[in-house]
Protein backbone atom coordinates (compact mmCIF):
# COMPACT_ATOMS: atom_id res chain seq x y z
CA MET A 1 0.17 -0.21 -0.16
CA LYS A 2 2.13 3.17 -1.39
CA PRO A 3 0.78 6.48 -1.40
CA GLN A 4 1.52 8.19 -5.25
CA PRO A 5 4.79 9.77 -4.76
CA LEU A 6 5.43 13.57 -4.24
CA SER A 7 8.64 14.08 -3.39
CA THR A 8 9.99 15.08 -7.13
CA GLY A 9 7.37 16.94 -7.96
CA VAL A 10 7.67 18.64 -4.66
CA LYS A 11 11.49 19.24 -5.16
CA SER A 12 10.31 20.35 -9.02
CA ALA A 13 7.82 22.74 -7.76
CA VAL A 14 10.06 24.51 -5.47
CA PHE A 15 12.95 24.60 -7.82
CA ILE A 16 10.64 26.61 -10.17
CA CYS A 17 9.32 28.82 -7.73
CA LEU A 18 12.72 29.94 -6.32
CA CYS A 19 13.98 30.03 -9.77
CA ILE A 20 11.30 32.66 -11.14
CA CYS A 21 11.66 34.56 -7.64
CA ALA A 22 15.16 34.75 -8.39
CA VAL A 23 15.07 35.95 -11.73
CA LEU A 24 12.81 38.34 -11.22
CA LEU A 25 14.59 39.73 -8.24
CA LEU A 26 17.53 39.72 -10.47
CA PHE A 27 15.81 41.76 -12.97
CA SER A 28 14.72 44.10 -10.17
CA ALA A 29 17.97 44.70 -8.92
CA CYS A 30 19.34 45.16 -12.86
CA SER A 31 16.81 47.81 -13.71
CA LYS A 32 17.06 49.92 -10.41
CA LYS A 33 19.42 50.06 -7.19
CA PRO A 34 16.79 50.89 -4.82
CA SER A 35 17.81 50.95 -0.91
CA ILE A 36 17.37 47.86 1.23
CA ASN A 37 14.31 49.10 2.77
CA THR A 38 12.67 50.27 -0.15
CA ASP A 39 13.75 46.71 -2.07
CA MET A 40 12.19 45.03 1.28
CA ASN A 41 8.36 46.34 0.85
CA ASN A 42 8.66 46.59 -3.23
CA SER A 43 6.30 43.94 -4.58
CA MET A 44 8.72 41.72 -5.81
CA TYR A 45 9.57 41.11 -2.19
CA ARG A 46 5.63 40.82 -1.40
CA PHE A 47 5.36 38.34 -4.45
CA PHE A 48 8.64 36.06 -2.37
CA LEU A 49 6.27 36.38 0.68
CA TYR A 50 3.26 35.03 -0.91
CA ASN A 51 4.81 32.38 -2.80
CA TYR A 52 6.74 31.42 0.36
CA ASP A 53 4.35 30.45 2.56
CA VAL A 54 3.28 27.98 -0.62
CA LEU A 55 6.69 26.80 -0.95
CA ASP A 56 6.90 25.77 3.01
CA THR A 57 3.41 23.96 2.60
CA MET A 58 5.24 22.19 0.26
CA GLN A 59 8.01 21.14 2.23
CA LYS A 60 5.63 20.19 5.00
CA LYS A 61 3.69 17.75 2.60
CA LYS A 62 7.12 16.42 1.46
CA ALA A 63 8.13 15.51 5.04
CA SER A 64 4.56 14.25 5.95
CA TYR A 65 5.00 12.06 2.58
CA GLU A 66 8.89 10.76 4.04
CA TYR A 67 7.16 10.02 7.23
CA GLY A 68 4.68 7.58 5.93
CA GLU A 69 6.86 6.12 3.68
CA LYS A 70 8.78 4.65 6.77
CA PHE A 71 6.17 2.57 7.93
CA SER A 72 5.39 -1.02 6.20
CA ASP A 73 1.78 -1.26 4.90
CA LYS A 74 0.63 -3.64 7.96
CA GLU A 75 1.45 -0.59 10.21
CA ARG A 76 0.12 1.83 7.93
CA ILE A 77 -3.32 0.02 7.78
CA ALA A 78 -3.35 -0.40 11.49
CA GLN A 79 -4.10 3.95 11.56
CA LEU A 80 -7.24 3.21 10.09
CA PHE A 81 -8.81 1.53 13.51
CA MET A 82 -9.63 3.11 16.92
CA VAL A 83 -9.52 0.27 19.25
CA ASN A 84 -10.53 -0.39 23.27
CA ILE A 85 -7.22 -0.27 25.28
CA ASP A 86 -6.25 -2.49 27.77
CA GLY A 87 -5.35 -1.76 30.97
CA SER A 88 -4.99 1.68 33.24
CA THR A 89 -2.09 2.16 35.39
CA THR A 90 0.92 0.83 33.03
CA TYR A 91 1.01 -0.14 29.65
CA SER A 92 3.60 -2.33 28.44
CA LYS A 93 3.80 -5.23 25.81
CA ALA A 94 1.35 -7.10 28.62
CA ASN A 95 -1.70 -4.81 27.19
CA ASP A 96 -0.69 -5.43 23.79
CA PHE A 97 -2.54 -7.31 21.58
CA ASN A 98 -1.91 -6.18 18.26
CA ASP A 99 1.95 -7.30 17.78
CA GLY A 100 3.70 -3.99 18.95
CA ILE A 101 1.99 -2.32 15.50
CA SER A 102 0.05 0.87 17.13
CA PRO A 103 -3.40 1.66 16.08
CA GLY A 104 -4.78 4.88 14.95
CA ALA A 105 -6.40 5.28 18.33
CA TYR A 106 -7.17 3.88 21.48
CA ILE A 107 -10.45 4.76 23.21
CA PHE A 108 -10.86 4.63 26.85
CA PHE A 109 -13.54 3.43 29.02
CA THR A 110 -14.03 3.98 32.83
CA PHE A 111 -12.97 0.37 33.64
CA ASN A 112 -9.31 2.28 31.95
CA ILE A 113 -9.33 5.27 34.64
CA ASP A 114 -7.65 4.63 37.57
CA THR A 115 -8.11 6.45 40.97
CA SER A 116 -5.99 9.68 40.85
CA PRO A 117 -4.62 12.40 38.06
CA SER A 118 -0.97 10.84 38.68
CA SER A 119 -2.16 7.66 37.61
CA VAL A 120 -3.89 8.19 34.54
CA ILE A 121 -1.02 10.59 33.62
CA ALA A 122 1.44 8.01 33.70
CA PHE A 123 -0.71 5.01 31.66
CA THR A 124 -1.30 7.91 29.26
CA ASP A 125 2.66 8.32 29.54
CA SER A 126 3.06 4.68 28.81
CA VAL A 127 1.31 4.47 26.16
CA TYR A 128 3.22 7.13 24.00
CA ASP A 129 6.56 5.41 25.57
CA TYR A 130 5.34 2.47 24.02
CA TYR A 131 4.84 3.50 20.67
CA LYS A 132 8.19 6.13 20.74
CA ASP A 133 9.30 4.36 17.82
CA SER A 134 6.29 4.00 15.94
CA ILE A 135 3.12 6.43 15.05
CA PRO A 136 1.97 7.46 18.30
CA PRO A 137 -1.91 7.00 18.65
CA LEU A 138 -4.35 9.64 19.30
CA LEU A 139 -6.10 8.90 23.17
CA ALA A 140 -9.67 9.45 22.79
CA ILE A 141 -12.51 9.48 25.54
CA ASP A 142 -15.89 10.39 25.88
CA HIS A 143 -15.80 13.67 27.21
CA GLU A 144 -19.48 14.83 26.71
CA GLY A 145 -20.42 15.28 30.36
CA GLY A 146 -23.38 14.93 32.43
CA SER A 147 -24.73 10.95 32.00
CA VAL A 148 -21.30 10.45 29.92
CA ASN A 149 -18.56 10.91 31.48
CA ARG A 150 -15.39 8.45 31.66
CA LEU A 151 -13.43 10.96 34.01
CA ARG A 152 -16.32 11.61 36.41
CA SER A 153 -14.47 10.70 39.39
CA ILE A 154 -11.07 12.55 38.42
CA THR A 155 -11.75 15.79 36.87
CA SER A 156 -14.02 19.25 38.04
CA PRO A 157 -17.72 18.23 37.84
CA LEU A 158 -19.16 18.38 33.65
CA PRO A 159 -22.77 18.90 33.37
CA SER A 160 -24.91 17.60 30.66
CA GLN A 161 -24.87 19.92 27.32
CA LEU A 162 -28.57 20.37 28.08
CA SER A 163 -27.34 21.81 30.95
CA VAL A 164 -24.81 23.70 29.88
CA SER A 165 -27.47 25.45 27.35
CA LYS A 166 -29.95 25.83 30.31
CA TYR A 167 -27.69 27.98 32.45
CA CYS A 168 -24.65 29.25 30.50
CA SER A 169 -24.16 31.77 28.08
CA GLU A 170 -22.04 31.45 25.05
CA GLN A 171 -19.40 33.22 26.73
CA GLU A 172 -19.59 31.24 30.02
CA ALA A 173 -19.96 27.78 27.99
CA SER A 174 -16.26 28.52 26.54
CA SER A 175 -14.90 29.06 29.45
CA LEU A 176 -16.00 25.94 30.99
CA TYR A 177 -15.43 23.87 27.99
CA GLU A 178 -11.87 25.99 28.05
CA ASN A 179 -10.94 24.87 31.31
CA THR A 180 -12.27 20.77 30.47
CA ALA A 181 -10.12 20.96 27.72
CA HIS A 182 -6.89 21.93 29.25
CA GLN A 183 -7.16 19.35 32.37
CA LEU A 184 -8.08 16.47 29.49
CA ARG A 185 -4.62 17.85 27.80
CA LEU A 186 -2.93 17.55 31.12
CA LEU A 187 -3.85 14.20 31.69
CA GLY A 188 -2.88 12.92 28.08
CA PHE A 189 -5.78 13.24 26.27
CA THR A 190 -5.43 13.97 22.42
CA PHE A 191 -9.18 13.41 21.16
CA ASN A 192 -12.78 14.03 22.90
CA LEU A 193 -15.58 12.46 20.85
CA SER A 194 -17.95 14.89 21.68
CA PRO A 195 -20.19 17.08 21.52
CA VAL A 196 -23.45 15.63 20.65
CA ALA A 197 -24.83 17.88 17.37
CA GLU A 198 -27.82 15.94 17.10
CA PRO A 199 -31.21 18.74 18.15
CA LEU A 200 -33.52 17.47 20.48
CA LEU A 201 -36.24 16.43 18.41
CA GLU A 202 -39.56 14.14 19.39
CA SER A 203 -38.03 11.32 17.91
CA ASN A 204 -34.64 10.88 19.49
CA GLU A 205 -35.08 12.58 23.02
CA GLU A 206 -36.01 9.17 24.42
CA PHE A 207 -32.69 8.20 23.40
CA LEU A 208 -30.45 11.41 23.95
CA GLN A 209 -32.15 13.09 27.12
CA ASP A 210 -30.00 15.19 28.19
CA ARG A 211 -26.94 14.36 25.57
CA SER A 212 -28.30 17.28 23.36
CA PHE A 213 -28.16 21.00 23.45
CA GLY A 214 -31.78 21.42 22.54
CA SER A 215 -32.91 23.12 19.97
CA ILE A 216 -31.05 23.40 16.58
CA ASP A 217 -29.88 27.05 17.09
CA LYS A 218 -28.21 25.89 20.52
CA THR A 219 -26.96 22.85 19.25
CA ILE A 220 -25.10 24.98 16.10
CA SER A 221 -23.84 27.90 18.64
CA LEU A 222 -22.75 25.70 21.87
CA SER A 223 -21.15 22.67 19.33
CA SER A 224 -19.04 25.43 17.62
CA VAL A 225 -18.41 26.99 21.28
CA LEU A 226 -17.30 23.43 22.47
CA ILE A 227 -15.16 22.52 19.38
CA GLU A 228 -12.95 26.27 19.71
CA SER A 229 -12.62 25.78 23.24
CA TYR A 230 -11.24 22.04 23.12
CA ASN A 231 -8.93 23.41 19.36
CA LYS A 232 -7.19 25.91 21.95
CA TYR A 233 -5.30 23.17 23.41
CA ASN A 234 -4.86 20.92 20.11
CA ILE A 235 -7.45 18.49 21.18
CA LEU A 236 -9.20 16.56 18.34
CA CYS A 237 -13.13 16.69 18.69
CA ALA A 238 -15.91 14.37 16.81
CA LEU A 239 -19.20 16.14 15.74
CA LYS A 240 -21.54 13.28 16.72
CA HIS A 241 -24.02 10.83 15.36
CA PHE A 242 -24.01 12.38 12.21
CA PRO A 243 -26.47 12.34 10.86
CA GLY A 244 -28.98 11.28 13.71
CA ASN A 245 -30.90 8.86 15.92
CA THR A 246 -34.02 7.59 17.05
CA ASN A 247 -35.17 6.86 20.19
CA ASP A 248 -34.00 3.05 19.37
CA ASP A 249 -30.72 2.33 21.61
CA PRO A 250 -28.30 1.25 18.40
CA HIS A 251 -26.10 -0.65 21.18
CA THR A 252 -29.30 -2.80 21.60
CA GLY A 253 -30.89 -2.38 17.52
CA LEU A 254 -30.98 -0.54 14.49
CA PRO A 255 -32.28 2.63 14.31
CA ARG A 256 -34.68 3.22 11.78
CA ILE A 257 -35.09 7.21 10.67
CA THR A 258 -38.06 7.65 8.44
CA VAL A 259 -38.63 11.34 7.47
CA SER A 260 -38.97 12.57 4.05
CA ARG A 261 -35.70 13.82 2.71
CA ASP A 262 -36.48 17.68 3.30
CA VAL A 263 -37.20 16.85 6.65
CA PHE A 264 -33.74 15.06 6.81
CA GLN A 265 -31.89 18.08 5.15
CA ASN A 266 -33.24 20.71 7.21
CA GLN A 267 -33.30 19.01 11.23
CA MET A 268 -30.76 16.56 10.31
CA VAL A 269 -28.25 17.18 8.10
CA HIS A 270 -28.42 21.46 8.26
CA PRO A 271 -26.88 21.42 12.13
CA PHE A 272 -23.84 19.40 11.14
CA HIS A 273 -23.25 21.19 7.79
CA THR A 274 -23.23 24.75 9.53
CA ILE A 275 -21.01 23.86 12.12
CA LEU A 276 -18.71 22.15 10.04
CA ASN A 277 -19.01 25.59 7.80
CA ASN A 278 -17.34 27.60 10.57
CA SER A 279 -13.71 27.27 9.09
CA PRO A 280 -11.37 27.50 11.83
CA LEU A 281 -13.14 24.55 13.80
CA HIS A 282 -10.97 21.33 13.90
CA THR A 283 -13.04 18.62 14.14
CA ALA A 284 -13.91 15.06 12.91
CA VAL A 285 -17.05 13.35 12.34
CA LEU A 286 -18.88 10.31 13.83
CA LEU A 287 -20.88 8.49 11.72
CA SER A 288 -24.05 6.28 13.34
CA HIS A 289 -25.51 3.29 12.38
CA ALA A 290 -28.73 4.69 11.42
CA VAL A 291 -30.75 3.37 8.93
CA ILE A 292 -32.26 6.45 6.80
CA PRO A 293 -34.62 4.76 4.13
CA SER A 294 -35.40 8.27 2.06
CA VAL A 295 -31.42 8.41 2.12
CA THR A 296 -29.44 4.96 2.52
CA GLY A 297 -32.69 2.57 1.78
CA THR A 298 -31.69 -0.32 3.65
CA ILE A 299 -27.95 0.29 4.27
CA PRO A 300 -26.60 1.50 7.93
CA ALA A 301 -25.17 5.19 7.57
CA CYS A 302 -21.36 4.16 8.27
CA PHE A 303 -22.04 2.02 5.48
CA SER A 304 -23.81 4.20 3.01
CA LYS A 305 -21.30 6.04 -0.04
CA GLU A 306 -24.29 8.41 -0.98
CA LEU A 307 -24.48 9.66 2.88
CA THR A 308 -20.52 9.72 3.75
CA THR A 309 -19.21 10.62 0.36
CA GLY A 310 -21.95 12.10 -1.31
CA ILE A 311 -23.40 14.08 1.65
CA LEU A 312 -20.76 14.70 3.92
CA LYS A 313 -17.92 14.70 1.48
CA ASP A 314 -18.76 16.18 -1.41
CA SER A 315 -22.17 18.20 -0.53
CA ILE A 316 -20.89 19.94 2.72
CA GLY A 317 -17.55 19.61 1.38
CA PHE A 318 -16.10 18.13 5.01
CA LYS A 319 -12.44 17.00 4.19
CA GLY A 320 -11.41 16.40 7.71
CA LEU A 321 -11.31 12.70 9.61
CA ILE A 322 -14.42 10.62 9.44
CA LEU A 323 -14.78 7.88 11.83
CA THR A 324 -17.63 5.05 12.27
CA ASP A 325 -19.28 4.14 16.05
CA ASP A 326 -18.65 0.87 17.38
CA ILE A 327 -18.66 -2.12 14.67
CA PHE A 328 -19.90 -4.65 17.34
CA MET A 329 -22.90 -2.62 18.36
CA GLY A 330 -26.27 -4.63 18.13
CA ALA A 331 -26.95 -2.19 15.41
CA ILE A 332 -24.42 -3.95 12.77
CA ALA A 333 -23.89 -7.12 14.58
CA ASP A 334 -27.20 -8.27 13.81
CA GLN A 335 -27.18 -6.88 10.61
CA GLY A 336 -24.82 -10.02 9.00
CA TYR A 337 -21.76 -7.64 9.27
CA ASP A 338 -18.81 -9.20 10.43
CA ALA A 339 -15.89 -7.35 11.21
CA TYR A 340 -14.35 -8.06 7.63
CA LYS A 341 -17.50 -6.91 6.23
CA SER A 342 -17.98 -4.18 8.37
CA VAL A 343 -14.36 -2.55 7.68
CA GLU A 344 -14.71 -3.19 4.08
CA SER A 345 -18.20 -1.73 4.02
CA ALA A 346 -17.62 1.70 5.63
CA LEU A 347 -13.90 2.58 3.76
CA LEU A 348 -15.55 2.05 0.63
CA ALA A 349 -18.30 4.38 1.55
CA GLY A 350 -15.52 6.59 2.71
CA ALA A 351 -14.65 6.20 6.39
CA ASP A 352 -11.32 7.17 7.51
CA MET A 353 -10.90 5.27 10.83
CA ILE A 354 -13.25 2.03 12.26
CA MET A 355 -14.20 2.35 16.08
CA SER A 356 -13.76 -1.09 17.63
CA SER A 357 -14.49 -2.35 21.45
CA GLN A 358 -12.61 -4.94 20.83
CA LYS A 359 -8.83 -4.96 21.85
CA ARG A 360 -7.34 -6.61 18.63
CA PHE A 361 -7.26 -6.06 15.06
CA VAL A 362 -4.68 -6.91 14.13
CA HIS A 363 -5.56 -10.15 11.92
CA LEU A 364 -8.17 -7.64 10.18
CA ILE A 365 -5.33 -6.32 8.45
CA PRO A 366 -4.25 -9.13 5.76
CA TYR A 367 -8.00 -8.76 4.80
CA ILE A 368 -7.72 -5.70 3.72
CA GLN A 369 -4.45 -5.64 2.35
CA LYS A 370 -6.16 -8.93 -0.29
CA ARG A 371 -8.88 -6.25 -1.11
CA MET A 372 -6.76 -3.55 -1.82
CA MET A 373 -4.76 -5.55 -4.10
CA GLU A 374 -8.30 -6.74 -5.75
CA ASP A 375 -9.75 -3.18 -5.61
CA THR A 376 -8.10 0.12 -6.70
CA HIS A 377 -10.65 2.53 -4.93
CA LEU A 378 -10.33 1.06 -1.74
CA MET A 379 -6.11 1.29 -2.32
CA ALA A 380 -7.03 4.87 -3.14
CA GLY A 381 -9.05 5.36 0.18
CA VAL A 382 -7.11 4.03 2.13
CA ASN A 383 -3.97 5.99 1.42
CA GLU A 384 -5.83 9.11 1.21
CA SER A 385 -7.15 7.63 4.73
CA PHE A 386 -3.71 7.65 6.39
CA THR A 387 -2.53 10.70 4.78
CA LYS A 388 -5.33 12.47 6.87
CA ILE A 389 -4.90 10.93 9.84
CA ILE A 390 -0.87 11.68 9.42
CA GLN A 391 -1.95 15.44 8.92
CA THR A 392 -4.27 14.91 11.95
CA LYS A 393 -2.23 14.15 14.31
CA ILE A 394 0.10 16.92 13.20
CA LYS A 395 -2.79 19.51 13.89
CA THR A 396 -3.10 17.31 17.82
CA GLY A 397 0.71 17.54 18.28
CA VAL A 398 1.05 14.10 18.70
CA LEU A 399 3.42 14.72 16.24
CA ARG A 400 5.10 17.85 14.54
CA TYR A 401 7.24 19.66 12.14
CA HIS A 402 10.76 19.62 12.82
CA LYS A 403 12.95 22.02 11.34
CA ILE A 404 16.32 20.07 10.00
CA SER A 405 17.59 22.75 7.61
CA SER A 406 17.13 26.04 5.82
CA TYR A 407 18.95 27.42 2.56
CA ASP A 408 18.83 31.50 1.50
CA ILE A 409 18.77 32.65 -2.31
CA PHE A 410 19.41 35.84 -0.80
CA THR A 411 20.42 37.26 2.45
CA MET A 412 17.21 39.77 2.75
CA LEU A 413 14.55 37.34 1.98
CA PRO A 414 13.21 34.89 4.51
CA SER A 415 15.23 31.04 4.44
CA ILE A 416 13.51 28.12 3.18
CA ASN A 417 12.85 25.42 5.52
CA GLU A 418 13.40 21.60 5.32
CA TYR A 419 11.55 19.65 8.05
CA ARG A 420 10.98 16.31 9.13
CA VAL A 421 7.76 14.39 11.33
CA VAL A 422 8.70 13.70 14.41
CA ASN A 423 6.32 12.45 17.84
CA SER A 424 5.77 15.54 19.98
CA ASN A 425 7.06 15.35 23.80
CA SER A 426 5.50 17.08 26.85
CA GLU A 427 7.06 20.04 27.46
CA TYR A 428 6.42 19.87 30.81
CA SER A 429 7.29 16.53 33.65
CA SER A 430 4.37 14.26 34.70
CA ILE A 431 4.86 16.00 38.27
CA GLN A 432 4.53 19.60 36.79
CA ARG A 433 1.18 18.42 34.70
CA GLU A 434 0.27 16.97 37.97
CA GLU A 435 0.32 20.27 39.92
CA LYS A 436 -0.83 22.30 37.20
CA PHE A 437 -3.84 19.94 36.35
CA ASN A 438 -4.65 20.44 40.05
CA GLN A 439 -4.74 24.11 39.46
CA ILE A 440 -7.15 24.22 36.73
CA LYS A 441 -9.22 21.60 38.21
CA ASN A 442 -9.86 24.00 41.05
CA ASP A 443 -10.66 26.81 38.72
CA GLY A 444 -13.18 24.35 37.15
CA LEU A 445 -14.44 23.68 40.45
CA GLU A 446 -15.24 27.81 41.07
CA LEU A 447 -16.75 27.40 37.49
CA TYR A 448 -19.01 25.10 38.41
CA ALA A 449 -20.08 26.34 41.31
CA ALA A 450 -20.93 29.97 39.87
CA TYR A 451 -22.85 29.23 36.83
CA PHE A 452 -25.04 25.50 37.92
CA ASN A 453 -27.50 25.55 40.51
CA GLU A 454 -27.49 21.91 42.81
CA ASP A 455 -30.31 21.28 40.88
């Protein structure tokens, strides 16, 4: 599984752009002899600065490509999985069910959370250390608030989305979520599977209850506030569950959304579309398992190409990470989808990452490799997803660009940088992070007391 080569094209484009800049600057210098200050502000200099950003982006893309090339096909395919993690104290070979191969992400549940902030920090640090010579995983958790809060015994209280909608202004919600995001980052988490971006409707209120922000307008505004707040601490969020659910619990059965296409577009797709059009936001989208007969026929949303590629990617224009909900939920398993069929169907529909509540995934990789050799569309999709996942990890700070050299074409112009992608390290020790966490948690306790009534 190899992506299309980029390095030769990148080098050629860099060389051509530099030559153009050099010729134009030499021509300018020959035609007149302005002072250094004048030259620094003339159109040629501004032209270079504009193209400098383009060149720098190209150099970073080259570094990302070269980083990905270091890993085997098996390691690259493994990035397409988010799986359950074993343990809660120290991650070691005894907790590894996948022969040392790092998944794209681990999802934490309550049983993975030990009794103190120091133990949670030690555990997440040990995961990153275990995969220090591989692609580090995103560490994900459901931290919606209210009833869905795996960290309730560790962090300051986080009320449900409906409570935030009821008691907080947008500014207050921003303060609350920024504080919460800071706590999560200090604990070592990089991915929050939140917010629920489904408005509360008669058809889903029994299932969602307090997990929604409520009305369509509140859902749009407060979801955007939440994502922006988490992004400030380089935590990726996931809008869920696109395009929606019903009162049927997908953990035990298949939700069936029987609405017209107009209602589907105006009440269900519209909130996601509007939130995702807020371009500064860095977010993923988590697909539901619901069947929408007017849109997907009898196919669950996460396996529907019309929904995932046709609506989410093409119509809405979403270019970020798309992941499924757990493929071992009753909604999927009871419909005759085994793990192999589920993974292949989701990838062909346009998903980038497969969530699994199981700990083992490595046995699925040979099947994907075989199917990729038989299906060029699947191969192209897997390559695209791998690239997207690496870029996501750079945006969240799990990976980073490290400048290895730079060169000048003229001393008065900025240097052209060359990069490599490396694993990131925390700027603080575990002890410093725990001390900082306790300070931020205390601030969170004060925010909770100020914003929420006891009821």
